[in-house]
Amino acid sequence: MARLIGAMLSLHASGTIAKTLTASTWKGIQYGRVRVKPANHKTVAQVAFRGVFADAVVAYQDLTAPEMLAWDNLVAGQGLSGFNKFVAAYIALNYVAKAKVTPAVIPPQPGE
């Protein structure tokens, strides 16, 4: 059930109304959109991508605190997190290239 504060979409709204309209907040910005029921595709490519994505999350969680900080510093001021950049790099190396790369993804050092 949707929760409304004030008039519809004027002050704050969240949730889905009549399985049609979904209201939410993203980075402090109120928005409404058509409700979409996501499909759960189980194609070979989709399953492979989900596996690489899960591997990327585990690989990031295995980083040390200084390594995570290096990733955060790499993207400072770009509006994304070090986690986002790490996962994107991991996927680019392990899925887009269609080759499983075993070495850890290491961020570029300053001056490279």
Protein backbone atom coordinates (compact mmCIF):
# COMPACT_ATOMS: atom_id res chain seq x y z
CA MET A 1 0.00 0.00 0.00
CA ALA A 2 1.25 3.48 -0.82
CA ARG A 3 2.00 5.94 1.93
CA LEU A 4 1.20 9.56 1.13
CA ILE A 5 2.13 12.68 3.08
CA GLY A 6 0.42 15.79 1.76
CA ALA A 7 -1.21 15.89 -1.65
CA MET A 8 -0.26 13.27 -4.25
CA LEU A 9 3.42 13.66 -5.17
CA SER A 10 3.56 17.19 -3.76
CA LEU A 11 5.38 16.67 -0.46
CA HIS A 12 6.20 13.01 -0.10
CA ALA A 13 4.91 9.74 -1.51
CA SER A 14 6.30 6.22 -1.46
CA GLY A 15 4.98 2.85 -2.54
CA THR A 16 2.70 1.57 -5.28
CA ILE A 17 -0.88 2.65 -5.92
CA ALA A 18 -3.30 0.18 -7.53
CA LYS A 19 -0.44 -1.83 -9.05
CA THR A 20 -0.04 1.04 -11.52
CA LEU A 21 2.02 3.96 -10.15
CA THR A 22 5.11 3.68 -7.99
CA ALA A 23 6.39 6.68 -6.06
CA SER A 24 9.80 6.77 -4.41
CA THR A 25 12.87 8.86 -3.55
CA TRP A 26 16.30 8.62 -5.20
CA LYS A 27 19.15 10.66 -3.71
CA GLY A 28 16.63 12.97 -2.08
CA ILE A 29 14.63 13.52 -5.29
CA GLN A 30 10.97 12.52 -5.35
CA TYR A 31 9.80 10.69 -8.47
CA GLY A 32 6.92 8.64 -9.79
CA ARG A 33 6.99 5.98 -12.48
CA VAL A 34 4.84 3.31 -14.03
CA ARG A 35 5.05 0.11 -12.01
CA VAL A 36 6.95 -2.59 -13.87
CA LYS A 37 6.94 -6.21 -12.83
CA PRO A 38 10.49 -7.36 -13.57
CA ALA A 39 11.04 -10.52 -15.54
CA ASN A 40 13.43 -13.13 -14.20
CA HIS A 41 15.29 -14.11 -17.34
CA LYS A 42 17.25 -17.30 -16.96
CA THR A 43 19.08 -17.27 -20.27
CA VAL A 44 22.62 -18.62 -20.33
CA ALA A 45 23.99 -15.08 -20.78
CA GLN A 46 21.90 -13.66 -17.91
CA VAL A 47 22.88 -16.44 -15.52
CA ALA A 48 26.55 -15.97 -16.48
CA PHE A 49 26.32 -12.22 -15.91
CA ARG A 50 24.67 -12.71 -12.51
CA GLY A 51 27.51 -15.05 -11.56
CA VAL A 52 30.17 -12.52 -12.56
CA PHE A 53 28.31 -9.77 -10.69
CA ALA A 54 28.14 -11.93 -7.55
CA ASP A 55 31.86 -12.71 -7.91
CA ALA A 56 32.58 -8.98 -8.19
CA VAL A 57 30.75 -8.26 -4.93
CA VAL A 58 32.66 -11.02 -3.13
CA ALA A 59 35.97 -9.78 -4.60
CA TYR A 60 35.22 -6.25 -3.36
CA GLN A 61 34.33 -7.53 0.10
CA ASP A 62 37.68 -9.35 0.19
CA LEU A 63 39.61 -6.10 -0.33
CA THR A 64 41.44 -4.59 2.61
CA ALA A 65 40.35 -1.23 4.02
CA PRO A 66 43.26 0.62 2.31
CA GLU A 67 42.36 -1.00 -1.04
CA MET A 68 38.72 0.09 -0.65
CA LEU A 69 39.90 3.59 0.23
CA ALA A 70 42.05 3.62 -2.93
CA TRP A 71 38.96 2.84 -5.00
CA ASP A 72 36.99 5.57 -3.21
CA ASN A 73 39.80 8.07 -3.84
CA LEU A 74 39.92 7.06 -7.52
CA VAL A 75 36.32 8.21 -8.06
CA ALA A 76 36.24 11.15 -5.64
CA GLY A 77 34.02 13.90 -7.04
CA GLN A 78 32.57 11.72 -9.81
CA GLY A 79 29.26 10.98 -8.09
CA LEU A 80 29.81 7.26 -7.64
CA SER A 81 31.43 5.03 -5.07
CA GLY A 82 34.62 3.02 -5.16
CA PHE A 83 32.41 -0.07 -4.98
CA ASN A 84 30.61 0.98 -8.19
CA LYS A 85 33.90 1.56 -10.02
CA PHE A 86 35.40 -1.72 -8.76
CA VAL A 87 32.37 -3.74 -9.86
CA ALA A 88 32.34 -2.04 -13.27
CA ALA A 89 36.05 -2.79 -13.75
CA TYR A 90 35.64 -6.36 -12.56
CA ILE A 91 32.74 -6.97 -14.95
CA ALA A 92 34.62 -5.35 -17.84
CA LEU A 93 37.53 -7.72 -17.27
CA ASN A 94 35.59 -10.86 -16.47
CA TYR A 95 32.38 -10.68 -18.49
CA VAL A 96 32.79 -8.24 -21.34
CA ALA A 97 36.14 -9.77 -22.29
CA LYS A 98 34.47 -13.22 -21.98
CA ALA A 99 37.51 -14.48 -20.09
CA LYS A 100 37.71 -15.25 -16.40
CA VAL A 101 40.60 -13.23 -15.01
CA THR A 102 41.91 -14.43 -11.68
CA PRO A 103 44.17 -11.54 -10.54
CA ALA A 104 42.45 -8.95 -8.37
CA VAL A 105 41.39 -5.74 -10.05
CA ILE A 106 43.79 -3.03 -8.88
CA PRO A 107 42.95 0.66 -9.30
CA PRO A 108 45.39 2.84 -11.21
CA GLN A 109 47.86 4.60 -8.96
CA PRO A 110 48.21 8.40 -9.14
CA GLY A 111 50.47 9.40 -12.01
CA GLU A 112 49.72 6.37 -14.18
